[in-house]
Amino acid sequence: MHVDERSAVRLVRLAGAAVLAVGIALAIVMPQKAVTRNVEGLAGAVIGFELATTPEEVFGILGAPDHPQRAATVGAMDRANRIDFLFMLAYPVLAVAIARLLVARGLAPGAFATIVGGLALVMVAGDFIENRQLLALSHLTDPAAMAEPLARLRTATVWKWAALFLSALATARFVWRDASAWRWSAVVFAAAGLLGLSGIVWLPGVEWGANVIGIAWVWSWIHALRA
């Protein structure tokens, strides 16, 4: 697969700018803390909601039906999840753009961009299903009615995060071959992937991995701006 380096750099610039802009918007509107109690080991309310598995955890994050903070928290969470429909397009495109840049520089085989493209589709599909369940769960107050959305949420979340963190690990391998200082971002990509996948046994690893991958993305975007 032939990839033009200039077009690959432009795509990283555009996708990186989109990720940064939407990420800032999310940070502004999202609720910062759970109303009463988050999923054990997690700090952020949004990722806690994504990883919630029981009605009790949902109520702890959003507030019980009669809690005075529930309405404001649900409103903020819904706004964040609607904006996330844009973010779910931006970050997979950035992952593919970085892969294409590595292919264009001869640092990765052509098939790498195709593989990351496949993982990106899993990210988008998983995130879409996840958001639909979150928007439904935020307006449910009957614990029995939450069972099916929580089950779908769990499946979608697992696939989304697995695709993202596997992509990060694969990217780390090939970024390390770059001759510029960008090669050191491979350490960040690898850390994000390993931390995220550790969520299989240590749930906070998902949150740590998500935060660290953001650093790798910004680093790659700045590299493209300077290229």
Protein backbone atom coordinates (compact mmCIF):
# COMPACT_ATOMS: atom_id res chain seq x y z
CA MET A 1 0.00 0.00 0.00
CA HIS A 2 1.42 3.38 -1.05
CA VAL A 3 0.61 6.29 1.25
CA ASP A 4 1.71 9.85 0.50
CA GLU A 5 3.47 11.30 3.51
CA ARG A 6 2.17 14.84 3.03
CA SER A 7 -1.44 13.70 2.95
CA ALA A 8 -0.82 11.47 5.97
CA VAL A 9 0.63 14.40 7.90
CA ARG A 10 -2.36 16.58 6.97
CA LEU A 11 -4.76 13.90 8.19
CA VAL A 12 -2.95 13.66 11.54
CA ARG A 13 -3.13 17.45 11.86
CA LEU A 14 -6.86 17.58 11.09
CA ALA A 15 -7.85 14.55 13.17
CA GLY A 16 -5.65 15.65 16.06
CA ALA A 17 -7.21 19.12 16.05
CA ALA A 18 -10.67 17.55 16.07
CA VAL A 19 -9.80 15.25 18.98
CA LEU A 20 -8.39 18.18 20.95
CA ALA A 21 -11.34 20.49 20.24
CA VAL A 22 -14.01 17.90 21.05
CA GLY A 23 -12.01 16.70 24.06
CA ILE A 24 -11.99 20.24 25.46
CA ALA A 25 -15.73 20.54 24.89
CA LEU A 26 -16.28 17.25 26.72
CA ALA A 27 -14.11 18.38 29.63
CA ILE A 28 -16.20 21.54 29.96
CA VAL A 29 -19.65 19.94 29.99
CA MET A 30 -19.10 16.55 31.64
CA PRO A 31 -19.83 15.99 35.33
CA GLN A 32 -16.53 15.72 37.14
CA LYS A 33 -17.48 13.55 40.11
CA ALA A 34 -20.03 10.92 41.01
CA VAL A 35 -22.95 12.25 43.06
CA THR A 36 -22.49 9.84 45.95
CA ARG A 37 -20.14 7.02 44.95
CA ASN A 38 -18.22 6.02 41.84
CA VAL A 39 -17.33 2.55 40.62
CA GLU A 40 -14.64 1.35 43.00
CA GLY A 41 -11.17 2.59 42.06
CA LEU A 42 -12.33 5.10 39.43
CA ALA A 43 -12.13 8.89 39.66
CA GLY A 44 -14.02 10.28 36.67
CA ALA A 45 -17.82 10.20 36.62
CA VAL A 46 -18.05 9.63 32.85
CA ILE A 47 -15.74 6.64 32.71
CA GLY A 48 -17.35 5.33 35.88
CA PHE A 49 -20.73 5.44 34.13
CA GLU A 50 -19.25 3.66 31.09
CA LEU A 51 -17.87 0.89 33.28
CA ALA A 52 -20.85 0.57 35.61
CA THR A 53 -22.27 -2.95 35.82
CA THR A 54 -25.04 -2.65 38.43
CA PRO A 55 -27.99 -0.31 39.08
CA GLU A 56 -26.39 0.59 42.41
CA GLU A 57 -23.29 1.88 40.60
CA VAL A 58 -25.45 3.87 38.18
CA PHE A 59 -27.36 5.49 41.06
CA GLY A 60 -24.10 6.18 42.88
CA ILE A 61 -22.79 8.11 39.87
CA LEU A 62 -25.97 9.89 38.74
CA GLY A 63 -27.74 10.07 42.07
CA ALA A 64 -30.77 8.18 43.34
CA PRO A 65 -34.15 9.15 41.84
CA ASP A 66 -34.89 11.50 44.76
CA HIS A 67 -31.39 13.00 45.06
CA PRO A 68 -31.36 16.80 44.58
CA GLN A 69 -28.25 16.66 42.34
CA ARG A 70 -29.60 13.98 40.02
CA ALA A 71 -31.29 16.24 37.46
CA ALA A 72 -28.23 18.44 36.96
CA THR A 73 -25.90 15.45 36.80
CA VAL A 74 -28.06 13.59 34.29
CA GLY A 75 -28.27 16.72 32.16
CA ALA A 76 -24.50 17.17 32.14
CA MET A 77 -23.92 13.46 31.47
CA ASP A 78 -26.36 13.46 28.56
CA ARG A 79 -24.70 16.51 27.02
CA ALA A 80 -21.32 14.84 27.30
CA ASN A 81 -22.57 11.63 25.74
CA ARG A 82 -24.15 13.51 22.83
CA ILE A 83 -20.91 15.37 22.17
CA ASP A 84 -19.16 12.01 22.38
CA PHE A 85 -20.85 11.03 19.10
CA LEU A 86 -18.37 13.46 17.52
CA PHE A 87 -15.44 12.24 19.59
CA MET A 88 -16.14 8.63 18.60
CA LEU A 89 -15.45 9.62 14.99
CA ALA A 90 -12.44 11.83 15.70
CA TYR A 91 -10.19 9.55 17.74
CA PRO A 92 -10.46 6.45 15.51
CA VAL A 93 -9.62 8.64 12.51
CA LEU A 94 -6.58 9.91 14.40
CA ALA A 95 -5.49 6.33 15.13
CA VAL A 96 -5.76 5.50 11.43
CA ALA A 97 -4.01 8.74 10.45
CA ILE A 98 -1.04 7.91 12.68
CA ALA A 99 -0.90 4.41 11.20
CA ARG A 100 -0.93 5.86 7.69
CA LEU A 101 1.91 8.21 8.58
CA LEU A 102 3.98 5.28 9.82
CA VAL A 103 3.29 3.40 6.59
CA ALA A 104 4.14 6.47 4.48
CA ARG A 105 7.54 6.71 6.18
CA GLY A 106 8.26 3.04 5.63
CA LEU A 107 8.22 2.34 9.36
CA ALA A 108 5.27 -0.05 9.20
CA PRO A 109 3.99 -2.46 6.53
CA GLY A 110 1.03 -1.38 4.40
CA ALA A 111 -1.19 -3.91 6.13
CA PHE A 112 -0.74 -2.05 9.40
CA ALA A 113 -2.99 0.81 8.30
CA THR A 114 -5.61 -1.72 7.25
CA ILE A 115 -5.44 -3.50 10.61
CA VAL A 116 -5.74 -0.25 12.53
CA GLY A 117 -8.62 0.70 10.25
CA GLY A 118 -10.40 -2.50 11.26
CA LEU A 119 -9.78 -1.77 14.94
CA ALA A 120 -11.04 1.77 14.39
CA LEU A 121 -14.33 0.43 13.07
CA VAL A 122 -14.66 -1.66 16.24
CA MET A 123 -14.00 1.49 18.30
CA VAL A 124 -16.71 3.43 16.47
CA ALA A 125 -19.27 0.62 16.66
CA GLY A 126 -18.54 -0.07 20.33
CA ASP A 127 -18.67 3.60 21.25
CA PHE A 128 -21.93 4.12 19.35
CA ILE A 129 -23.66 1.23 21.10
CA GLU A 130 -22.16 2.34 24.41
CA ASN A 131 -23.50 5.88 24.07
CA ARG A 132 -26.97 4.65 23.17
CA GLN A 133 -27.07 2.57 26.35
CA LEU A 134 -25.75 5.42 28.50
CA LEU A 135 -28.40 7.81 27.18
CA ALA A 136 -31.05 5.22 27.99
CA LEU A 137 -29.69 4.34 31.43
CA SER A 138 -29.51 7.96 32.56
CA HIS A 139 -33.30 8.17 32.38
CA LEU A 140 -34.13 4.84 34.02
CA THR A 141 -34.99 4.69 37.70
CA ASP A 142 -36.26 1.11 37.87
CA PRO A 143 -33.32 -1.21 38.65
CA ALA A 144 -35.01 -4.14 36.88
CA ALA A 145 -35.26 -2.13 33.65
CA MET A 146 -31.50 -1.49 33.69
CA ALA A 147 -30.47 -5.14 33.24
CA GLU A 148 -30.52 -5.27 29.44
CA PRO A 149 -28.90 -1.85 28.82
CA LEU A 150 -26.16 -2.68 31.33
CA ALA A 151 -25.48 -6.01 29.61
CA ARG A 152 -25.22 -4.33 26.19
CA LEU A 153 -23.09 -1.59 27.71
CA ARG A 154 -20.65 -4.11 29.13
CA THR A 155 -20.17 -5.87 25.79
CA ALA A 156 -19.78 -2.65 23.81
CA THR A 157 -17.34 -1.16 26.31
CA VAL A 158 -15.12 -4.24 26.33
CA TRP A 159 -14.84 -4.26 22.53
CA LYS A 160 -14.23 -0.51 22.29
CA TRP A 161 -11.48 -0.37 24.89
CA ALA A 162 -9.83 -3.58 23.69
CA ALA A 163 -9.62 -2.23 20.13
CA LEU A 164 -8.24 1.10 21.33
CA PHE A 165 -5.56 -0.34 23.58
CA LEU A 166 -4.48 -3.04 21.11
CA SER A 167 -4.11 -0.30 18.51
CA ALA A 168 -1.97 1.70 20.93
CA LEU A 169 0.34 -1.24 21.56
CA ALA A 170 0.74 -1.94 17.85
CA THR A 171 1.41 1.73 17.16
CA ALA A 172 4.11 1.82 19.83
CA ARG A 173 6.08 -0.86 18.01
CA PHE A 174 6.34 1.13 14.80
CA VAL A 175 6.61 4.66 16.22
CA TRP A 176 9.77 3.47 17.98
CA ARG A 177 11.40 3.13 14.55
CA ASP A 178 11.01 6.83 13.75
CA ALA A 179 14.24 8.84 13.61
CA SER A 180 12.81 11.96 15.27
CA ALA A 181 12.02 12.66 18.91
CA TRP A 182 8.52 11.37 18.15
CA ARG A 183 9.93 7.88 18.63
CA TRP A 184 9.81 8.41 22.39
CA SER A 185 6.04 8.66 22.23
CA ALA A 186 6.24 4.90 21.67
CA VAL A 187 6.80 4.59 25.41
CA VAL A 188 3.56 6.51 26.03
CA PHE A 189 1.60 4.48 23.47
CA ALA A 190 2.88 1.26 25.02
CA ALA A 191 2.12 2.43 28.55
CA ALA A 192 -1.43 3.36 27.50
CA GLY A 193 -1.98 -0.03 25.88
CA LEU A 194 -0.58 -2.02 28.79
CA LEU A 195 -2.39 0.00 31.43
CA GLY A 196 -5.66 -0.22 29.53
CA LEU A 197 -5.46 -3.96 28.98
CA SER A 198 -4.62 -4.42 32.65
CA GLY A 199 -8.23 -3.38 33.20
CA ILE A 200 -9.08 -7.04 32.67
CA VAL A 201 -7.87 -7.65 36.22
CA TRP A 202 -7.51 -4.07 37.58
CA LEU A 203 -10.38 -1.83 36.45
CA PRO A 204 -8.64 1.52 37.16
CA GLY A 205 -6.16 0.51 34.46
CA VAL A 206 -8.78 1.44 31.86
CA GLU A 207 -9.01 4.99 33.22
CA TRP A 208 -5.23 5.33 33.44
CA GLY A 209 -4.83 3.96 29.92
CA ALA A 210 -7.45 6.37 28.56
CA ASN A 211 -5.66 9.34 30.14
CA VAL A 212 -2.23 8.27 28.91
CA ILE A 213 -3.37 7.64 25.32
CA GLY A 214 -4.48 11.27 25.24
CA ILE A 215 -0.87 12.31 25.87
CA ALA A 216 0.31 10.10 23.00
CA TRP A 217 -2.30 11.58 20.66
CA VAL A 218 -1.36 15.18 21.50
CA TRP A 219 2.34 14.34 21.09
CA SER A 220 1.64 12.85 17.64
CA TRP A 221 -0.45 15.87 16.65
CA ILE A 222 2.31 18.31 17.66
CA HIS A 223 4.82 16.18 15.73
CA ALA A 224 2.62 16.43 12.61
CA LEU A 225 2.29 20.21 13.04
CA ARG A 226 6.07 20.49 13.03
CA ALA A 227 6.64 18.03 10.17
